[in-house]
Amino acid sequence: MKRRPTPHTDWCPRDHRCNLGEHRSEEMVVDLPGYGRAVLNRVATDYGTGHAEIRIRVVLDPAEPAARRQLATMLTDLRALVIRVAISARPTPARRGRW
């Protein structure tokens, strides 16, 4: 059975980014010259799954111990970011009583 192409989303640019069974947003860029760059895309697959894709490039210190500290910091903060984003989709429980 041949799969039908997925319809365009409100946020996809309707160009070459819409291929291979997915729709991709235009890139959202945070550029800190001399320090690093982050690029975020919103993606919708033909299976109906939506996700964010982030590419990060950070200038590392030339000294190995400092570069390792930078990498450890980045991994720790990325883990915390993924957790915060994941739980932000859950509704906040209603409060009972007067606060």
PDB file of N, CA and C in Angstrom:
ATOM      1  N   MET A   1       0.834  -1.164   0.000  1.00  0.00           N
ATOM      2  CA  MET A   1       0.000   0.000   0.000  1.00  0.00           C
ATOM      3  C   MET A   1       0.894   1.247   0.000  1.00  0.00           C
ATOM      4  N   LYS A   2       0.639   2.146  -0.896  1.00  0.00           N
ATOM      5  CA  LYS A   2       1.447   3.349  -1.034  1.00  0.00           C
ATOM      6  C   LYS A   2       1.025   4.386   0.006  1.00  0.00           C
ATOM      7  N   ARG A   3       2.012   4.944   0.675  1.00  0.00           N
ATOM      8  CA  ARG A   3       1.753   5.945   1.704  1.00  0.00           C
ATOM      9  C   ARG A   3       1.509   7.304   1.051  1.00  0.00           C
ATOM     10  N   ARG A   4       0.496   8.000   1.533  1.00  0.00           N
ATOM     11  CA  ARG A   4       0.212   9.336   1.018  1.00  0.00           C
ATOM     12  C   ARG A   4       1.138  10.349   1.693  1.00  0.00           C
ATOM     13  N   PRO A   5       1.534  11.395   0.955  1.00  0.00           N
ATOM     14  CA  PRO A   5       2.369  12.415   1.594  1.00  0.00           C
ATOM     15  C   PRO A   5       1.617  13.111   2.720  1.00  0.00           C
ATOM     16  N   THR A   6       2.358  13.500   3.736  1.00  0.00           N
ATOM     17  CA  THR A   6       1.732  14.198   4.854  1.00  0.00           C
ATOM     18  C   THR A   6       1.417  15.633   4.443  1.00  0.00           C
ATOM     19  N   PRO A   7       0.323  16.173   4.951  1.00  0.00           N
ATOM     20  CA  PRO A   7      -0.020  17.557   4.606  1.00  0.00           C
ATOM     21  C   PRO A   7       0.970  18.530   5.245  1.00  0.00           C
ATOM     22  N   HIS A   8       1.124  19.679   4.615  1.00  0.00           N
ATOM     23  CA  HIS A   8       1.990  20.716   5.171  1.00  0.00           C
ATOM     24  C   HIS A   8       1.416  21.215   6.491  1.00  0.00           C
ATOM     25  N   THR A   9       2.305  21.649   7.361  1.00  0.00           N
ATOM     26  CA  THR A   9       1.897  22.239   8.633  1.00  0.00           C
ATOM     27  C   THR A   9       1.822  23.755   8.470  1.00  0.00           C
ATOM     28  N   ASP A  10       1.302  24.432   9.489  1.00  0.00           N
ATOM     29  CA  ASP A  10       1.262  25.898   9.456  1.00  0.00           C
ATOM     30  C   ASP A  10       2.659  26.500   9.503  1.00  0.00           C
ATOM     31  N   TRP A  11       3.611  25.782  10.095  1.00  0.00           N
ATOM     32  CA  TRP A  11       4.944  26.333  10.313  1.00  0.00           C
ATOM     33  C   TRP A  11       5.995  25.867   9.311  1.00  0.00           C
ATOM     34  N   CYS A  12       5.680  24.927   8.438  1.00  0.00           N
ATOM     35  CA  CYS A  12       6.692  24.487   7.471  1.00  0.00           C
ATOM     36  C   CYS A  12       6.739  25.460   6.297  1.00  0.00           C
ATOM     37  N   PRO A  13       7.913  25.662   5.713  1.00  0.00           N
ATOM     38  CA  PRO A  13       8.052  26.650   4.640  1.00  0.00           C
ATOM     39  C   PRO A  13       7.576  26.165   3.266  1.00  0.00           C
ATOM     40  N   ARG A  14       7.136  24.903   3.184  1.00  0.00           N
ATOM     41  CA  ARG A  14       6.617  24.345   1.934  1.00  0.00           C
ATOM     42  C   ARG A  14       7.646  24.432   0.800  1.00  0.00           C
ATOM     43  N   ASP A  15       8.865  24.002   1.103  1.00  0.00           N
ATOM     44  CA  ASP A  15       9.922  24.000   0.099  1.00  0.00           C
ATOM     45  C   ASP A  15      10.728  22.712   0.200  1.00  0.00           C
ATOM     46  N   HIS A  16      12.007  22.762  -0.154  1.00  0.00           N
ATOM     47  CA  HIS A  16      12.844  21.563  -0.165  1.00  0.00           C
ATOM     48  C   HIS A  16      12.994  20.908   1.203  1.00  0.00           C
ATOM     49  N   ARG A  17      12.647  21.600   2.285  1.00  0.00           N
ATOM     50  CA  ARG A  17      12.734  20.998   3.620  1.00  0.00           C
ATOM     51  C   ARG A  17      11.653  19.948   3.838  1.00  0.00           C
ATOM     52  N   CYS A  18      10.614  19.981   3.021  1.00  0.00           N
ATOM     53  CA  CYS A  18       9.525  19.011   3.133  1.00  0.00           C
ATOM     54  C   CYS A  18       9.819  17.852   2.178  1.00  0.00           C
ATOM     55  N   ASN A  19      10.520  16.875   2.688  1.00  0.00           N
ATOM     56  CA  ASN A  19      10.850  15.712   1.865  1.00  0.00           C
ATOM     57  C   ASN A  19      11.131  14.511   2.755  1.00  0.00           C
ATOM     58  N   LEU A  20      11.300  13.403   2.146  1.00  0.00           N
ATOM     59  CA  LEU A  20      11.623  12.166   2.856  1.00  0.00           C
ATOM     60  C   LEU A  20      10.645  11.877   3.995  1.00  0.00           C
ATOM     61  N   GLY A  21       9.383  12.211   3.773  1.00  0.00           N
ATOM     62  CA  GLY A  21       8.350  11.858   4.748  1.00  0.00           C
ATOM     63  C   GLY A  21       8.317  12.729   5.979  1.00  0.00           C
ATOM     64  N   GLU A  22       8.867  13.926   5.901  1.00  0.00           N
ATOM     65  CA  GLU A  22       8.801  14.809   7.058  1.00  0.00           C
ATOM     66  C   GLU A  22       8.715  16.259   6.609  1.00  0.00           C
ATOM     67  N   HIS A  23       8.276  17.091   7.535  1.00  0.00           N
ATOM     68  CA  HIS A  23       8.227  18.534   7.319  1.00  0.00           C
ATOM     69  C   HIS A  23       9.147  19.169   8.345  1.00  0.00           C
ATOM     70  N   ARG A  24       9.983  20.109   7.890  1.00  0.00           N
ATOM     71  CA  ARG A  24      10.955  20.773   8.762  1.00  0.00           C
ATOM     72  C   ARG A  24      10.732  22.274   8.714  1.00  0.00           C
ATOM     73  N   SER A  25      10.799  22.909   9.864  1.00  0.00           N
ATOM     74  CA  SER A  25      10.666  24.368   9.925  1.00  0.00           C
ATOM     75  C   SER A  25      11.927  25.031   9.393  1.00  0.00           C
ATOM     76  N   GLU A  26      11.813  26.337   9.211  1.00  0.00           N
ATOM     77  CA  GLU A  26      13.024  27.097   8.931  1.00  0.00           C
ATOM     78  C   GLU A  26      13.889  27.040  10.179  1.00  0.00           C
ATOM     79  N   GLU A  27      15.209  27.193  10.000  1.00  0.00           N
ATOM     80  CA  GLU A  27      16.115  27.139  11.136  1.00  0.00           C
ATOM     81  C   GLU A  27      15.959  28.360  12.032  1.00  0.00           C
ATOM     82  N   MET A  28      15.959  28.102  13.333  1.00  0.00           N
ATOM     83  CA  MET A  28      15.973  29.170  14.330  1.00  0.00           C
ATOM     84  C   MET A  28      17.376  29.138  14.921  1.00  0.00           C
ATOM     85  N   VAL A  29      18.091  30.261  14.827  1.00  0.00           N
ATOM     86  CA  VAL A  29      19.515  30.288  15.148  1.00  0.00           C
ATOM     87  C   VAL A  29      19.808  31.214  16.318  1.00  0.00           C
ATOM     88  N   VAL A  30      20.638  30.709  17.237  1.00  0.00           N
ATOM     89  CA  VAL A  30      21.228  31.528  18.290  1.00  0.00           C
ATOM     90  C   VAL A  30      22.724  31.508  18.011  1.00  0.00           C
ATOM     91  N   ASP A  31      23.272  32.671  17.663  1.00  0.00           N
ATOM     92  CA  ASP A  31      24.683  32.760  17.285  1.00  0.00           C
ATOM     93  C   ASP A  31      25.407  33.679  18.250  1.00  0.00           C
ATOM     94  N   LEU A  32      26.410  33.156  18.922  1.00  0.00           N
ATOM     95  CA  LEU A  32      27.241  33.941  19.825  1.00  0.00           C
ATOM     96  C   LEU A  32      28.662  33.912  19.270  1.00  0.00           C
ATOM     97  N   PRO A  33      28.989  34.872  18.394  1.00  0.00           N
ATOM     98  CA  PRO A  33      30.304  34.859  17.739  1.00  0.00           C
ATOM     99  C   PRO A  33      31.457  34.705  18.741  1.00  0.00           C
ATOM    100  N   GLY A  34      32.334  33.793  18.423  1.00  0.00           N
ATOM    101  CA  GLY A  34      33.473  33.520  19.290  1.00  0.00           C
ATOM    102  C   GLY A  34      33.201  32.510  20.381  1.00  0.00           C
ATOM    103  N   TYR A  35      31.928  32.175  20.602  1.00  0.00           N
ATOM    104  CA  TYR A  35      31.565  31.245  21.675  1.00  0.00           C
ATOM    105  C   TYR A  35      30.843  30.003  21.174  1.00  0.00           C
ATOM    106  N   GLY A  36      29.883  30.181  20.274  1.00  0.00           N
ATOM    107  CA  GLY A  36      29.144  29.022  19.800  1.00  0.00           C
ATOM    108  C   GLY A  36      27.906  29.402  19.021  1.00  0.00           C
ATOM    109  N   ARG A  37      27.186  28.365  18.651  1.00  0.00           N
ATOM    110  CA  ARG A  37      25.990  28.540  17.832  1.00  0.00           C
ATOM    111  C   ARG A  37      25.046  27.370  18.096  1.00  0.00           C
ATOM    112  N   ALA A  38      23.758  27.675  18.136  1.00  0.00           N
ATOM    113  CA  ALA A  38      22.742  26.633  18.275  1.00  0.00           C
ATOM    114  C   ALA A  38      21.719  26.830  17.160  1.00  0.00           C
ATOM    115  N   VAL A  39      21.289  25.724  16.553  1.00  0.00           N
ATOM    116  CA  VAL A  39      20.306  25.762  15.476  1.00  0.00           C
ATOM    117  C   VAL A  39      19.176  24.799  15.853  1.00  0.00           C
ATOM    118  N   LEU A  40      17.937  25.309  15.850  1.00  0.00           N
ATOM    119  CA  LEU A  40      16.774  24.505  16.211  1.00  0.00           C
ATOM    120  C   LEU A  40      15.838  24.394  15.017  1.00  0.00           C
ATOM    121  N   ASN A  41      15.345  23.190  14.772  1.00  0.00           N
ATOM    122  CA  ASN A  41      14.323  22.933  13.759  1.00  0.00           C
ATOM    123  C   ASN A  41      13.176  22.184  14.405  1.00  0.00           C
ATOM    124  N   ARG A  42      11.976  22.529  13.985  1.00  0.00           N
ATOM    125  CA  ARG A  42      10.799  21.749  14.369  1.00  0.00           C
ATOM    126  C   ARG A  42      10.555  20.752  13.241  1.00  0.00           C
ATOM    127  N   VAL A  43      10.258  19.504  13.596  1.00  0.00           N
ATOM    128  CA  VAL A  43      10.106  18.443  12.612  1.00  0.00           C
ATOM    129  C   VAL A  43       8.813  17.678  12.876  1.00  0.00           C
ATOM    130  N   ALA A  44       8.068  17.386  11.812  1.00  0.00           N
ATOM    131  CA  ALA A  44       6.890  16.523  11.893  1.00  0.00           C
ATOM    132  C   ALA A  44       7.118  15.364  10.933  1.00  0.00           C
ATOM    133  N   THR A  45       7.009  14.146  11.431  1.00  0.00           N
ATOM    134  CA  THR A  45       7.231  12.975  10.589  1.00  0.00           C
ATOM    135  C   THR A  45       5.929  12.538   9.935  1.00  0.00           C
ATOM    136  N   ASP A  46       6.061  11.668   8.951  1.00  0.00           N
ATOM    137  CA  ASP A  46       4.853  11.160   8.287  1.00  0.00           C
ATOM    138  C   ASP A  46       4.083  10.193   9.173  1.00  0.00           C
ATOM    139  N   TYR A  47       4.629   9.849  10.339  1.00  0.00           N
ATOM    140  CA  TYR A  47       3.909   8.995  11.292  1.00  0.00           C
ATOM    141  C   TYR A  47       3.130   9.830  12.301  1.00  0.00           C
ATOM    142  N   GLY A  48       3.193  11.169  12.142  1.00  0.00           N
ATOM    143  CA  GLY A  48       2.451  12.049  13.035  1.00  0.00           C
ATOM    144  C   GLY A  48       3.210  12.477  14.275  1.00  0.00           C
ATOM    145  N   THR A  49       4.470  12.122  14.363  1.00  0.00           N
ATOM    146  CA  THR A  49       5.279  12.495  15.517  1.00  0.00           C
ATOM    147  C   THR A  49       5.934  13.846  15.281  1.00  0.00           C
ATOM    148  N   GLY A  50       5.836  14.722  16.257  1.00  0.00           N
ATOM    149  CA  GLY A  50       6.523  16.004  16.178  1.00  0.00           C
ATOM    150  C   GLY A  50       7.668  16.030  17.162  1.00  0.00           C
ATOM    151  N   HIS A  51       8.769  16.633  16.769  1.00  0.00           N
ATOM    152  CA  HIS A  51       9.896  16.766  17.691  1.00  0.00           C
ATOM    153  C   HIS A  51      10.747  17.976  17.323  1.00  0.00           C
ATOM    154  N   ALA A  52      11.632  18.328  18.220  1.00  0.00           N
ATOM    155  CA  ALA A  52      12.588  19.405  17.997  1.00  0.00           C
ATOM    156  C   ALA A  52      13.952  18.782  17.777  1.00  0.00           C
ATOM    157  N   GLU A  53      14.691  19.371  16.880  1.00  0.00           N
ATOM    158  CA  GLU A  53      16.052  18.918  16.597  1.00  0.00           C
ATOM    159  C   GLU A  53      16.973  20.105  16.853  1.00  0.00           C
ATOM    160  N   ILE A  54      17.987  19.906  17.690  1.00  0.00           N
ATOM    161  CA  ILE A  54      18.905  20.980  18.040  1.00  0.00           C
ATOM    162  C   ILE A  54      20.329  20.547  17.713  1.00  0.00           C
ATOM    163  N   ARG A  55      21.038  21.418  17.012  1.00  0.00           N
ATOM    164  CA  ARG A  55      22.469  21.221  16.768  1.00  0.00           C
ATOM    165  C   ARG A  55      23.203  22.332  17.508  1.00  0.00           C
ATOM    166  N   ILE A  56      24.203  21.956  18.280  1.00  0.00           N
ATOM    167  CA  ILE A  56      24.945  22.933  19.074  1.00  0.00           C
ATOM    168  C   ILE A  56      26.436  22.797  18.763  1.00  0.00           C
ATOM    169  N   ARG A  57      27.063  23.952  18.556  1.00  0.00           N
ATOM    170  CA  ARG A  57      28.511  23.985  18.354  1.00  0.00           C
ATOM    171  C   ARG A  57      29.063  24.993  19.354  1.00  0.00           C
ATOM    172  N   VAL A  58      29.974  24.534  20.214  1.00  0.00           N
ATOM    173  CA  VAL A  58      30.550  25.380  21.248  1.00  0.00           C
ATOM    174  C   VAL A  58      32.070  25.356  21.090  1.00  0.00           C
ATOM    175  N   VAL A  59      32.686  26.532  21.182  1.00  0.00           N
ATOM    176  CA  VAL A  59      34.142  26.625  21.123  1.00  0.00           C
ATOM    177  C   VAL A  59      34.703  26.058  22.425  1.00  0.00           C
ATOM    178  N   LEU A  60      35.580  25.074  22.297  1.00  0.00           N
ATOM    179  CA  LEU A  60      36.178  24.446  23.476  1.00  0.00           C
ATOM    180  C   LEU A  60      37.541  25.054  23.767  1.00  0.00           C
ATOM    181  N   ASP A  61      37.869  25.090  25.040  1.00  0.00           N
ATOM    182  CA  ASP A  61      39.166  25.582  25.475  1.00  0.00           C
ATOM    183  C   ASP A  61      40.258  24.665  24.931  1.00  0.00           C
ATOM    184  N   PRO A  62      41.402  25.213  24.526  1.00  0.00           N
ATOM    185  CA  PRO A  62      42.468  24.347  24.007  1.00  0.00           C
ATOM    186  C   PRO A  62      43.087  23.439  25.069  1.00  0.00           C
ATOM    187  N   ALA A  63      42.980  23.799  26.337  1.00  0.00           N
ATOM    188  CA  ALA A  63      43.512  22.946  27.404  1.00  0.00           C
ATOM    189  C   ALA A  63      42.524  21.809  27.671  1.00  0.00           C
ATOM    190  N   GLU A  64      43.033  20.594  27.636  1.00  0.00           N
ATOM    191  CA  GLU A  64      42.167  19.412  27.763  1.00  0.00           C
ATOM    192  C   GLU A  64      41.327  19.383  29.040  1.00  0.00           C
ATOM    193  N   PRO A  65      41.883  19.685  30.209  1.00  0.00           N
ATOM    194  CA  PRO A  65      41.029  19.653  31.406  1.00  0.00           C
ATOM    195  C   PRO A  65      39.870  20.646  31.328  1.00  0.00           C
ATOM    196  N   ALA A  66      40.129  21.822  30.814  1.00  0.00           N
ATOM    197  CA  ALA A  66      39.065  22.826  30.690  1.00  0.00           C
ATOM    198  C   ALA A  66      38.025  22.394  29.664  1.00  0.00           C
ATOM    199  N   ALA A  67      38.458  21.819  28.543  1.00  0.00           N
ATOM    200  CA  ALA A  67      37.526  21.340  27.518  1.00  0.00           C
ATOM    201  C   ALA A  67      36.631  20.237  28.083  1.00  0.00           C
ATOM    202  N   ARG A  68      37.207  19.360  28.886  1.00  0.00           N
ATOM    203  CA  ARG A  68      36.407  18.290  29.502  1.00  0.00           C
ATOM    204  C   ARG A  68      35.374  18.852  30.471  1.00  0.00           C
ATOM    205  N   ARG A  69      35.755  19.889  31.219  1.00  0.00           N
ATOM    206  CA  ARG A  69      34.792  20.537  32.123  1.00  0.00           C
ATOM    207  C   ARG A  69      33.663  21.168  31.312  1.00  0.00           C
ATOM    208  N   GLN A  70      34.016  21.794  30.198  1.00  0.00           N
ATOM    209  CA  GLN A  70      32.985  22.388  29.341  1.00  0.00           C
ATOM    210  C   GLN A  70      32.029  21.316  28.829  1.00  0.00           C
ATOM    211  N   LEU A  71      32.558  20.190  28.384  1.00  0.00           N
ATOM    212  CA  LEU A  71      31.710  19.109  27.871  1.00  0.00           C
ATOM    213  C   LEU A  71      30.823  18.535  28.974  1.00  0.00           C
ATOM    214  N   ALA A  72      31.377  18.351  30.157  1.00  0.00           N
ATOM    215  CA  ALA A  72      30.581  17.830  31.273  1.00  0.00           C
ATOM    216  C   ALA A  72      29.461  18.803  31.628  1.00  0.00           C
ATOM    217  N   THR A  73      29.777  20.105  31.624  1.00  0.00           N
ATOM    218  CA  THR A  73      28.762  21.110  31.910  1.00  0.00           C
ATOM    219  C   THR A  73      27.668  21.083  30.855  1.00  0.00           C
ATOM    220  N   MET A  74      28.075  20.978  29.593  1.00  0.00           N
ATOM    221  CA  MET A  74      27.096  20.955  28.512  1.00  0.00           C
ATOM    222  C   MET A  74      26.181  19.737  28.630  1.00  0.00           C
ATOM    223  N   LEU A  75      26.747  18.571  28.882  1.00  0.00           N
ATOM    224  CA  LEU A  75      25.915  17.365  29.001  1.00  0.00           C
ATOM    225  C   LEU A  75      24.966  17.453  30.192  1.00  0.00           C
ATOM    226  N   THR A  76      25.437  17.972  31.302  1.00  0.00           N
ATOM    227  CA  THR A  76      24.580  18.121  32.480  1.00  0.00           C
ATOM    228  C   THR A  76      23.424  19.069  32.184  1.00  0.00           C
ATOM    229  N   ASP A  77      23.740  20.212  31.586  1.00  0.00           N
ATOM    230  CA  ASP A  77      22.696  21.196  31.293  1.00  0.00           C
ATOM    231  C   ASP A  77      21.753  20.710  30.195  1.00  0.00           C
ATOM    232  N   LEU A  78      22.256  19.977  29.214  1.00  0.00           N
ATOM    233  CA  LEU A  78      21.377  19.429  28.173  1.00  0.00           C
ATOM    234  C   LEU A  78      20.406  18.413  28.761  1.00  0.00           C
ATOM    235  N   ARG A  79      20.902  17.603  29.679  1.00  0.00           N
ATOM    236  CA  ARG A  79      20.026  16.624  30.338  1.00  0.00           C
ATOM    237  C   ARG A  79      18.912  17.347  31.085  1.00  0.00           C
ATOM    238  N   ALA A  80      19.280  18.386  31.829  1.00  0.00           N
ATOM    239  CA  ALA A  80      18.279  19.160  32.568  1.00  0.00           C
ATOM    240  C   ALA A  80      17.293  19.830  31.617  1.00  0.00           C
ATOM    241  N   LEU A  81      17.781  20.339  30.498  1.00  0.00           N
ATOM    242  CA  LEU A  81      16.908  20.986  29.513  1.00  0.00           C
ATOM    243  C   LEU A  81      15.903  19.995  28.937  1.00  0.00           C
ATOM    244  N   VAL A  82      16.369  18.815  28.550  1.00  0.00           N
ATOM    245  CA  VAL A  82      15.469  17.806  27.981  1.00  0.00           C
ATOM    246  C   VAL A  82      14.403  17.412  28.999  1.00  0.00           C
ATOM    247  N   ILE A  83      14.787  17.251  30.242  1.00  0.00           N
ATOM    248  CA  ILE A  83      13.819  16.906  31.290  1.00  0.00           C
ATOM    249  C   ILE A  83      12.797  18.031  31.464  1.00  0.00           C
ATOM    250  N   ARG A  84      13.268  19.293  31.533  1.00  0.00           N
ATOM    251  CA  ARG A  84      12.337  20.422  31.707  1.00  0.00           C
ATOM    252  C   ARG A  84      11.366  20.527  30.551  1.00  0.00           C
ATOM    253  N   VAL A  85      11.866  20.330  29.338  1.00  0.00           N
ATOM    254  CA  VAL A  85      10.991  20.410  28.163  1.00  0.00           C
ATOM    255  C   VAL A  85       9.985  19.266  28.179  1.00  0.00           C
ATOM    256  N   ALA A  86      10.432  18.071  28.519  1.00  0.00           N
ATOM    257  CA  ALA A  86       9.535  16.912  28.542  1.00  0.00           C
ATOM    258  C   ALA A  86       8.409  17.097  29.553  1.00  0.00           C
ATOM    259  N   ILE A  87       8.730  17.588  30.746  1.00  0.00           N
ATOM    260  CA  ILE A  87       7.676  17.723  31.754  1.00  0.00           C
ATOM    261  C   ILE A  87       6.820  18.965  31.528  1.00  0.00           C
ATOM    262  N   SER A  88       7.297  19.914  30.722  1.00  0.00           N
ATOM    263  CA  SER A  88       6.481  21.107  30.479  1.00  0.00           C
ATOM    264  C   SER A  88       5.241  20.795  29.645  1.00  0.00           C
ATOM    265  N   ALA A  89       5.210  19.653  28.985  1.00  0.00           N
ATOM    266  CA  ALA A  89       4.042  19.257  28.192  1.00  0.00           C
ATOM    267  C   ALA A  89       2.908  18.755  29.072  1.00  0.00           C
ATOM    268  N   ARG A  90       3.229  18.363  30.282  1.00  0.00           N
ATOM    269  CA  ARG A  90       2.205  17.854  31.194  1.00  0.00           C
ATOM    270  C   ARG A  90       1.415  19.017  31.777  1.00  0.00           C
ATOM    271  N   PRO A  91       0.118  18.845  31.937  1.00  0.00           N
ATOM    272  CA  PRO A  91      -0.670  19.919  32.552  1.00  0.00           C
ATOM    273  C   PRO A  91      -0.311  20.086  34.030  1.00  0.00           C
ATOM    274  N   THR A  92      -0.403  21.294  34.506  1.00  0.00           N
ATOM    275  CA  THR A  92      -0.156  21.579  35.912  1.00  0.00           C
ATOM    276  C   THR A  92      -1.365  21.123  36.723  1.00  0.00           C
ATOM    277  N   PRO A  93      -1.154  20.394  37.812  1.00  0.00           N
ATOM    278  CA  PRO A  93      -2.294  19.958  38.629  1.00  0.00           C
ATOM    279  C   PRO A  93      -3.060  21.153  39.175  1.00  0.00           C
ATOM    280  N   ALA A  94      -4.369  21.023  39.239  1.00  0.00           N
ATOM    281  CA  ALA A  94      -5.211  22.082  39.791  1.00  0.00           C
ATOM    282  C   ALA A  94      -4.985  22.177  41.297  1.00  0.00           C
ATOM    283  N   ARG A  95      -4.942  23.381  41.777  1.00  0.00           N
ATOM    284  CA  ARG A  95      -4.783  23.585  43.225  1.00  0.00           C
ATOM    285  C   ARG A  95      -6.134  23.496  43.898  1.00  0.00           C
ATOM    286  N   ARG A  96      -6.123  22.942  45.092  1.00  0.00           N
ATOM    287  CA  ARG A  96      -7.364  22.825  45.858  1.00  0.00           C
ATOM    288  C   ARG A  96      -7.348  23.881  46.947  1.00  0.00           C
ATOM    289  N   GLY A  97      -8.485  24.387  47.241  1.00  0.00           N
ATOM    290  CA  GLY A  97      -8.589  25.371  48.308  1.00  0.00           C
ATOM    291  C   GLY A  97      -8.118  26.751  47.854  1.00  0.00           C
ATOM    292  N   ARG A  98      -8.049  27.651  48.796  1.00  0.00           N
ATOM    293  CA  ARG A  98      -7.626  29.021  48.487  1.00  0.00           C
ATOM    294  C   ARG A  98      -6.163  29.173  48.838  1.00  0.00           C
ATOM    295  N   TRP A  99      -5.390  29.685  47.919  1.00  0.00           N
ATOM    296  CA  TRP A  99      -3.959  29.868  48.143  1.00  0.00           C
ATOM    297  C   TRP A  99      -3.614  31.303  48.041  1.00  0.00           C
TER     298      TRP A  99
END
